[in-house]
Amino acid sequence: MTEARHFVLAAGGTGGHMIPAHALAEELSRRGHHVALITDERGARIPGLFDGVQTHILPAGRLAGGPLGWLRGGRAILEGRAMAGRLYEAFAPAAVVGFGGYPALPALLAALKVKVPTVVHEQNAVLGRVNRLLGGRVDAIATAYPDVRRLKPAWFGKTHLVGNPVRDSVLALRDLPYPALDHVGVFRLLVTGGSQGASVLSQVVPAALGMLPLNLRRRLQVVQQCRVEDIEQVRADYAALSIPAELATYIADMAGRLALAHLVISRAGASTIAELTAAGRPAILVPLPSATDDHQTYNAREMAKAGGARAIAQPRFTAVELAKQMQKLALEPGALENAARRAHACGRPYAASDLADLVESLA
């Protein structure tokens, strides 16, 4: 039996950082280890994650906004590093694992200062700013993709491809068949813009569905995540089209929705793609154009190249283009089932276990 150890996971900001950290926490806990989370206020507010895990909210400044912003950010980082250092004195972690983003920076800096082993996990196909900043100093870099941009050749020797951990509830879908679909049955569409929603999906998707042939449109059932400011307009749009639609600002039971979905329209966030490929669900991906270093475009490439998804750049994401792509998938016999198999083949179902193995080896 593995000796019980203490591990600190540092993540915050969005679900893209928090979900893989949550999956690792579950795996380490199953192995008998003790886990603590360092996060920021936004990360701590995401529901359904880290229940029962010791959680510490630390200051996490951003080095942006000119000289005054750098000064404020630097002070917050130093304050967070000092607080993390005091936590380590009491918790004595065997390793600290960072998941990118500025909320992870103070925790990793404190670990480096006291020579605790460190790992950073990169969810995206482009190495993020904090992981680039610390890549030369940490003990290991874990990646979700085989090809990661901005990863320096000097770091290849300590880089490990593990994939992007997903929640157990999503991973359980991997062994279930793609939901049955024929030319007259209900066609279930899931639309999600990640933890922050996406206004462009609210604008384009209902309009595109209204352009579909009547025999296809009558089969649709939609579950869609919307921003608060968009949800009533989207509700009215679907009502005018007589399309049954369940709308929410946050989808808590993502596993349950994925289990029923025949097609997903979404952004190309790292956790979204990891869940799509874990479950084996075909998708139309719309990368967020303002994402740092355009990382969502690179995230989408592996799944799109394999045939499990179609990627549409936002400037080309119009109602006409979406309706055309949906008809190709929905009306061509076997197209969705084939895309589902190809999406499934891109999944890395052992990501949480492989990352836990790496963390344990450094401890």
Protein backbone atom coordinates (compact mmCIF):
# COMPACT_ATOMS: atom_id res chain seq x y z
CA MET A 1 0.00 0.00 0.00
CA THR A 2 1.22 3.51 -0.86
CA GLU A 3 2.27 5.55 2.14
CA ALA A 4 -0.20 8.35 2.86
CA ARG A 5 1.21 11.77 2.03
CA HIS A 6 0.06 15.37 1.92
CA PHE A 7 -0.34 17.14 -1.43
CA VAL A 8 -1.28 20.73 -2.23
CA LEU A 9 -3.08 21.54 -5.48
CA ALA A 10 -3.08 25.15 -6.69
CA ALA A 11 -5.73 26.23 -9.17
CA GLY A 12 -8.26 28.99 -9.61
CA GLY A 13 -10.05 31.37 -11.89
CA THR A 14 -12.12 29.16 -14.18
CA GLY A 15 -13.40 25.63 -14.51
CA GLY A 16 -10.66 24.96 -17.06
CA HIS A 17 -8.12 25.03 -14.22
CA MET A 18 -10.34 23.77 -11.42
CA ILE A 19 -11.87 20.66 -13.02
CA PRO A 20 -8.59 18.81 -13.70
CA ALA A 21 -7.36 19.76 -10.23
CA HIS A 22 -10.59 18.36 -8.77
CA ALA A 23 -10.14 15.11 -10.73
CA LEU A 24 -6.57 14.74 -9.43
CA ALA A 25 -7.74 15.43 -5.87
CA GLU A 26 -10.27 12.61 -6.16
CA GLU A 27 -7.62 10.20 -7.47
CA LEU A 28 -5.08 11.10 -4.77
CA SER A 29 -7.76 10.77 -2.08
CA ARG A 30 -8.69 7.31 -3.40
CA ARG A 31 -5.05 6.35 -2.93
CA GLY A 32 -5.22 7.34 0.73
CA HIS A 33 -3.45 10.70 0.49
CA HIS A 34 -4.46 13.99 2.10
CA VAL A 35 -5.16 16.89 -0.25
CA ALA A 36 -5.44 20.64 0.30
CA LEU A 37 -6.50 23.22 -2.28
CA ILE A 38 -5.09 26.70 -2.75
CA THR A 39 -7.34 28.84 -4.93
CA ASP A 40 -8.81 32.31 -5.38
CA GLU A 41 -12.32 33.57 -4.69
CA ARG A 42 -13.57 32.79 -8.21
CA GLY A 43 -12.30 29.23 -8.09
CA ALA A 44 -13.84 28.64 -4.68
CA ARG A 45 -17.27 29.68 -5.98
CA ILE A 46 -17.50 27.04 -8.72
CA PRO A 47 -20.13 24.57 -7.48
CA GLY A 48 -19.68 20.82 -7.19
CA LEU A 49 -15.89 20.78 -6.87
CA PHE A 50 -13.59 19.93 -3.93
CA ASP A 51 -16.38 19.05 -1.51
CA GLY A 52 -14.78 18.09 1.80
CA VAL A 53 -11.29 19.19 0.71
CA GLN A 54 -9.36 21.61 2.93
CA THR A 55 -9.46 24.87 0.96
CA HIS A 56 -7.37 28.04 1.37
CA ILE A 57 -8.12 31.27 -0.52
CA LEU A 58 -4.96 33.28 -1.14
CA PRO A 59 -4.33 36.64 -2.83
CA ALA A 60 -3.37 36.18 -6.47
CA GLY A 61 -2.34 39.34 -8.29
CA ARG A 62 -1.97 39.69 -12.06
CA LEU A 63 1.12 41.30 -13.52
CA ALA A 64 -0.81 43.56 -15.89
CA GLY A 65 -2.13 47.10 -16.18
CA GLY A 66 1.10 49.08 -16.38
CA PRO A 67 3.50 50.04 -13.56
CA LEU A 68 0.78 50.55 -10.93
CA GLY A 69 -0.89 47.27 -11.86
CA TRP A 70 2.45 45.45 -11.73
CA LEU A 71 3.10 46.89 -8.28
CA ARG A 72 -0.30 45.86 -6.94
CA GLY A 73 -0.02 42.44 -8.55
CA GLY A 74 3.48 41.91 -7.22
CA ARG A 75 2.42 42.78 -3.69
CA ALA A 76 -0.50 40.35 -3.86
CA ILE A 77 1.76 37.58 -5.17
CA LEU A 78 4.28 38.14 -2.36
CA GLU A 79 1.49 38.18 0.23
CA GLY A 80 0.08 34.95 -1.21
CA ARG A 81 3.53 33.35 -1.23
CA ALA A 82 4.02 34.17 2.44
CA MET A 83 0.60 32.74 3.34
CA ALA A 84 1.34 29.58 1.36
CA GLY A 85 4.66 29.23 3.13
CA ARG A 86 2.93 29.29 6.52
CA LEU A 87 0.47 26.66 5.27
CA TYR A 88 3.34 24.40 4.21
CA GLU A 89 4.87 24.61 7.67
CA ALA A 90 1.70 23.09 9.11
CA PHE A 91 0.66 20.80 6.23
CA ALA A 92 4.16 19.62 5.16
CA PRO A 93 3.26 18.77 1.54
CA ALA A 94 5.18 16.05 -0.29
CA ALA A 95 4.60 17.97 -3.53
CA VAL A 96 2.74 21.01 -4.84
CA VAL A 97 0.87 20.78 -8.16
CA GLY A 98 -0.06 23.93 -10.08
CA PHE A 99 -2.69 24.04 -12.82
CA GLY A 100 -1.77 27.31 -14.46
CA GLY A 101 -3.26 30.76 -14.04
CA TYR A 102 -2.17 33.46 -11.64
CA PRO A 103 -3.88 31.86 -8.60
CA ALA A 104 -1.32 29.02 -8.82
CA LEU A 105 1.71 31.33 -8.85
CA PRO A 106 2.07 32.20 -5.12
CA ALA A 107 1.68 28.55 -4.09
CA LEU A 108 4.35 27.39 -6.54
CA LEU A 109 6.74 30.20 -5.62
CA ALA A 110 6.42 29.26 -1.93
CA ALA A 111 7.11 25.60 -2.76
CA LEU A 112 10.20 26.50 -4.78
CA LYS A 113 11.46 28.68 -1.93
CA VAL A 114 11.32 25.82 0.58
CA LYS A 115 12.38 23.17 -1.98
CA VAL A 116 9.17 21.16 -2.01
CA PRO A 117 8.85 19.14 -5.29
CA THR A 118 6.71 20.93 -7.86
CA VAL A 119 4.66 19.91 -10.89
CA VAL A 120 2.73 22.11 -13.31
CA HIS A 121 -0.08 20.73 -15.43
CA GLU A 122 -0.88 22.42 -18.74
CA GLN A 123 -4.42 21.82 -19.96
CA ASN A 124 -4.09 23.71 -23.24
CA ALA A 125 -2.15 23.13 -26.45
CA VAL A 126 -0.20 26.34 -25.76
CA LEU A 127 1.84 26.60 -22.57
CA GLY A 128 0.26 29.29 -20.38
CA ARG A 129 2.05 32.34 -19.01
CA VAL A 130 2.51 31.15 -15.43
CA ASN A 131 3.67 27.72 -16.59
CA ARG A 132 6.11 29.38 -18.99
CA LEU A 133 7.38 31.60 -16.19
CA LEU A 134 8.10 28.62 -13.91
CA GLY A 135 8.78 25.91 -16.49
CA GLY A 136 12.52 26.07 -16.03
CA ARG A 137 12.32 25.79 -12.23
CA VAL A 138 9.69 23.12 -11.55
CA ASP A 139 10.52 19.43 -11.33
CA ALA A 140 8.02 18.22 -13.93
CA ILE A 141 5.63 19.52 -16.59
CA ALA A 142 2.53 17.47 -17.36
CA THR A 143 0.72 18.14 -20.66
CA ALA A 144 -2.68 17.33 -22.11
CA TYR A 145 -1.55 17.28 -25.77
CA PRO A 146 1.43 15.64 -27.47
CA ASP A 147 2.29 18.90 -29.24
CA VAL A 148 2.34 21.95 -26.97
CA ARG A 149 3.41 25.32 -28.33
CA ARG A 150 5.83 27.52 -26.35
CA LEU A 151 7.30 24.51 -24.58
CA LYS A 152 11.06 25.02 -24.68
CA PRO A 153 13.18 22.12 -25.99
CA ALA A 154 15.30 22.35 -22.85
CA TRP A 155 12.23 21.24 -20.87
CA PHE A 156 11.38 18.18 -22.99
CA GLY A 157 13.26 15.84 -20.65
CA LYS A 158 10.93 16.62 -17.74
CA THR A 159 7.73 16.84 -19.78
CA HIS A 160 5.15 14.05 -19.49
CA LEU A 161 2.05 13.56 -21.66
CA VAL A 162 -0.78 12.56 -19.30
CA GLY A 163 -3.90 14.12 -20.83
CA ASN A 164 -6.41 16.37 -19.10
CA PRO A 165 -8.16 14.79 -16.08
CA VAL A 166 -11.96 14.85 -16.10
CA ARG A 167 -14.56 14.20 -13.43
CA ASP A 168 -15.39 10.59 -12.60
CA SER A 169 -18.99 11.12 -13.64
CA VAL A 170 -17.89 12.08 -17.17
CA LEU A 171 -15.28 9.34 -17.40
CA ALA A 172 -17.98 6.78 -16.59
CA LEU A 173 -19.64 7.64 -19.93
CA ARG A 174 -16.69 6.22 -21.83
CA ASP A 175 -17.95 2.64 -21.55
CA LEU A 176 -21.50 3.51 -22.57
CA PRO A 177 -22.67 3.40 -26.20
CA TYR A 178 -23.40 6.51 -28.24
CA PRO A 179 -27.14 7.22 -27.79
CA ALA A 180 -29.32 5.55 -30.41
CA LEU A 181 -30.29 7.82 -33.28
CA ASP A 182 -32.41 7.27 -36.36
CA HIS A 183 -33.98 9.51 -38.99
CA VAL A 184 -37.22 10.05 -37.05
CA GLY A 185 -36.17 9.98 -33.37
CA VAL A 186 -35.40 12.86 -31.04
CA PHE A 187 -32.15 14.70 -31.86
CA ARG A 188 -30.58 16.06 -28.66
CA LEU A 189 -28.30 19.08 -28.98
CA LEU A 190 -26.12 20.37 -26.14
CA VAL A 191 -24.78 23.93 -26.40
CA THR A 192 -22.20 25.16 -23.89
CA GLY A 193 -19.79 28.05 -23.75
CA GLY A 194 -17.71 26.83 -20.83
CA SER A 195 -18.04 28.10 -17.27
CA GLN A 196 -18.54 31.69 -18.48
CA GLY A 197 -21.10 31.03 -21.23
CA ALA A 198 -20.80 32.52 -24.72
CA SER A 199 -23.01 35.23 -26.19
CA VAL A 200 -22.12 34.34 -29.77
CA LEU A 201 -23.64 30.89 -29.29
CA SER A 202 -26.83 32.48 -27.96
CA GLN A 203 -27.02 34.68 -31.05
CA VAL A 204 -26.12 32.19 -33.76
CA VAL A 205 -27.43 28.78 -32.65
CA PRO A 206 -31.18 29.56 -32.49
CA ALA A 207 -31.00 31.37 -35.82
CA ALA A 208 -29.18 28.42 -37.41
CA LEU A 209 -31.69 25.90 -36.06
CA GLY A 210 -34.45 27.97 -37.60
CA MET A 211 -32.85 27.40 -41.02
CA LEU A 212 -32.85 23.61 -40.77
CA PRO A 213 -35.32 21.54 -42.78
CA LEU A 214 -38.64 21.22 -40.99
CA ASN A 215 -38.37 17.44 -40.58
CA LEU A 216 -35.06 17.86 -38.72
CA ARG A 217 -36.11 20.92 -36.74
CA ARG A 218 -39.17 19.12 -35.37
CA ARG A 219 -36.91 16.42 -33.91
CA LEU A 220 -34.70 18.81 -31.94
CA GLN A 221 -34.41 19.05 -28.19
CA VAL A 222 -31.89 21.64 -26.95
CA VAL A 223 -30.04 22.09 -23.68
CA GLN A 224 -28.10 25.36 -23.74
CA GLN A 225 -25.94 27.29 -21.33
CA CYS A 226 -26.41 31.05 -21.64
CA ARG A 227 -25.14 34.17 -20.00
CA VAL A 228 -27.59 35.81 -17.59
CA GLU A 229 -28.05 38.78 -19.90
CA ASP A 230 -28.87 36.54 -22.90
CA ILE A 231 -31.11 33.85 -21.47
CA GLU A 232 -34.55 35.48 -21.85
CA GLN A 233 -33.92 36.45 -25.47
CA VAL A 234 -32.74 32.92 -26.26
CA ARG A 235 -35.83 31.52 -24.56
CA ALA A 236 -38.04 33.72 -26.75
CA ASP A 237 -36.12 32.72 -29.89
CA TYR A 238 -36.66 29.01 -29.27
CA ALA A 239 -40.32 29.54 -28.36
CA ALA A 240 -40.86 31.34 -31.68
CA LEU A 241 -39.35 28.32 -33.48
CA SER A 242 -41.37 25.81 -31.38
CA ILE A 243 -38.12 24.07 -30.43
CA PRO A 244 -38.13 22.56 -26.91
CA ALA A 245 -35.19 24.10 -25.05
CA GLU A 246 -33.88 23.87 -21.50
CA LEU A 247 -31.74 26.90 -20.68
CA ALA A 248 -29.44 27.55 -17.73
CA THR A 249 -26.59 29.86 -16.80
CA TYR A 250 -24.62 26.90 -15.40
CA ILE A 251 -24.98 23.21 -16.22
CA ALA A 252 -24.30 21.37 -12.99
CA ASP A 253 -24.94 17.85 -14.31
CA MET A 254 -22.68 17.99 -17.35
CA ALA A 255 -22.21 14.22 -17.32
CA GLY A 256 -25.95 13.64 -17.51
CA ARG A 257 -26.30 16.08 -20.39
CA LEU A 258 -23.38 14.58 -22.30
CA ALA A 259 -24.80 11.10 -21.83
CA LEU A 260 -27.93 12.05 -23.83
CA ALA A 261 -26.36 14.43 -26.38
CA HIS A 262 -26.08 13.46 -30.04
CA LEU A 263 -24.11 16.60 -30.92
CA VAL A 264 -22.40 19.33 -28.89
CA ILE A 265 -21.79 22.91 -29.99
CA SER A 266 -19.24 24.60 -27.75
CA ARG A 267 -16.16 26.66 -27.24
CA ALA A 268 -12.85 24.80 -27.44
CA GLY A 269 -11.77 25.05 -23.82
CA ALA A 270 -9.40 22.36 -22.61
CA SER A 271 -11.80 20.77 -20.12
CA THR A 272 -14.65 20.81 -22.63
CA ILE A 273 -12.57 18.93 -25.20
CA ALA A 274 -11.30 16.50 -22.57
CA GLU A 275 -14.89 15.72 -21.59
CA LEU A 276 -16.05 15.38 -25.21
CA THR A 277 -13.27 12.93 -26.02
CA ALA A 278 -13.67 11.03 -22.76
CA ALA A 279 -17.37 10.51 -23.47
CA GLY A 280 -17.01 10.16 -27.25
CA ARG A 281 -19.33 12.95 -28.38
CA PRO A 282 -19.08 14.69 -31.77
CA ALA A 283 -18.88 18.44 -31.68
CA ILE A 284 -18.86 21.69 -33.58
CA LEU A 285 -16.19 23.81 -31.89
CA VAL A 286 -16.00 27.61 -31.96
CA PRO A 287 -12.65 28.68 -30.46
CA LEU A 288 -12.73 31.84 -28.35
CA PRO A 289 -10.80 34.39 -30.47
CA SER A 290 -9.66 36.41 -27.44
CA ALA A 291 -8.18 33.38 -25.62
CA THR A 292 -4.58 33.99 -24.55
CA ASP A 293 -2.16 33.02 -27.35
CA ASP A 294 -5.19 31.79 -29.33
CA HIS A 295 -4.90 28.54 -27.38
CA GLN A 296 -8.47 27.37 -28.10
CA THR A 297 -7.73 27.20 -31.82
CA TYR A 298 -4.80 24.88 -31.09
CA ASN A 299 -6.88 22.90 -28.57
CA ALA A 300 -9.42 22.09 -31.29
CA ARG A 301 -6.90 20.84 -33.86
CA GLU A 302 -6.32 17.30 -32.59
CA MET A 303 -10.02 16.46 -32.32
CA ALA A 304 -10.86 18.14 -35.63
CA LYS A 305 -7.98 16.45 -37.47
CA ALA A 306 -9.14 13.06 -36.16
CA GLY A 307 -12.66 13.71 -37.50
CA GLY A 308 -14.35 13.92 -34.11
CA ALA A 309 -15.20 17.60 -34.44
CA ARG A 310 -15.60 20.42 -36.91
CA ALA A 311 -13.89 23.66 -35.93
CA ILE A 312 -15.35 26.97 -37.11
CA ALA A 313 -13.44 30.20 -36.47
CA GLN A 314 -15.72 32.79 -34.89
CA PRO A 315 -15.63 35.23 -37.87
CA ARG A 316 -17.04 32.38 -40.02
CA PHE A 317 -19.48 31.18 -37.35
CA THR A 318 -22.71 32.40 -38.92
CA ALA A 319 -26.19 30.93 -38.81
CA VAL A 320 -25.86 29.88 -42.45
CA GLU A 321 -22.53 28.10 -41.88
CA LEU A 322 -23.71 26.36 -38.72
CA ALA A 323 -26.94 25.19 -40.37
CA LYS A 324 -24.89 23.78 -43.27
CA GLN A 325 -22.52 21.88 -40.98
CA MET A 326 -25.37 20.53 -38.85
CA GLN A 327 -27.21 19.21 -41.90
CA LYS A 328 -24.07 17.42 -43.10
CA LEU A 329 -23.72 15.68 -39.75
CA ALA A 330 -27.38 15.03 -39.00
CA LEU A 331 -28.65 13.95 -42.41
CA GLU A 332 -25.74 11.91 -43.77
CA PRO A 333 -26.23 8.30 -42.60
CA GLY A 334 -23.69 7.26 -39.98
CA ALA A 335 -21.89 10.65 -39.92
CA LEU A 336 -22.57 11.40 -36.26
CA GLU A 337 -21.81 7.86 -35.11
CA ASN A 338 -18.53 7.90 -37.04
CA ALA A 339 -17.57 11.29 -35.56
CA ALA A 340 -18.42 9.97 -32.10
CA ARG A 341 -16.03 7.01 -32.58
CA ARG A 342 -13.27 9.35 -33.72
CA ALA A 343 -13.84 11.68 -30.77
CA HIS A 344 -13.70 8.68 -28.43
CA ALA A 345 -10.35 7.64 -29.94
CA CYS A 346 -8.85 11.03 -28.97
CA GLY A 347 -9.68 10.56 -25.29
CA ARG A 348 -7.04 9.95 -22.64
CA PRO A 349 -9.08 8.19 -19.97
CA TYR A 350 -6.16 7.53 -17.62
CA ALA A 351 -5.15 11.18 -17.30
CA ALA A 352 -5.97 11.50 -13.58
CA SER A 353 -4.24 8.21 -12.76
CA ASP A 354 -1.17 9.03 -14.85
CA LEU A 355 -0.88 12.49 -13.32
CA ALA A 356 -1.22 11.00 -9.82
CA ASP A 357 1.55 8.50 -10.67
CA LEU A 358 3.80 11.37 -11.72
CA VAL A 359 3.04 13.38 -8.57
CA GLU A 360 3.67 10.38 -6.33
CA SER A 361 6.98 9.65 -8.08
CA LEU A 362 8.28 13.13 -7.30
CA ALA A 363 7.16 12.88 -3.69
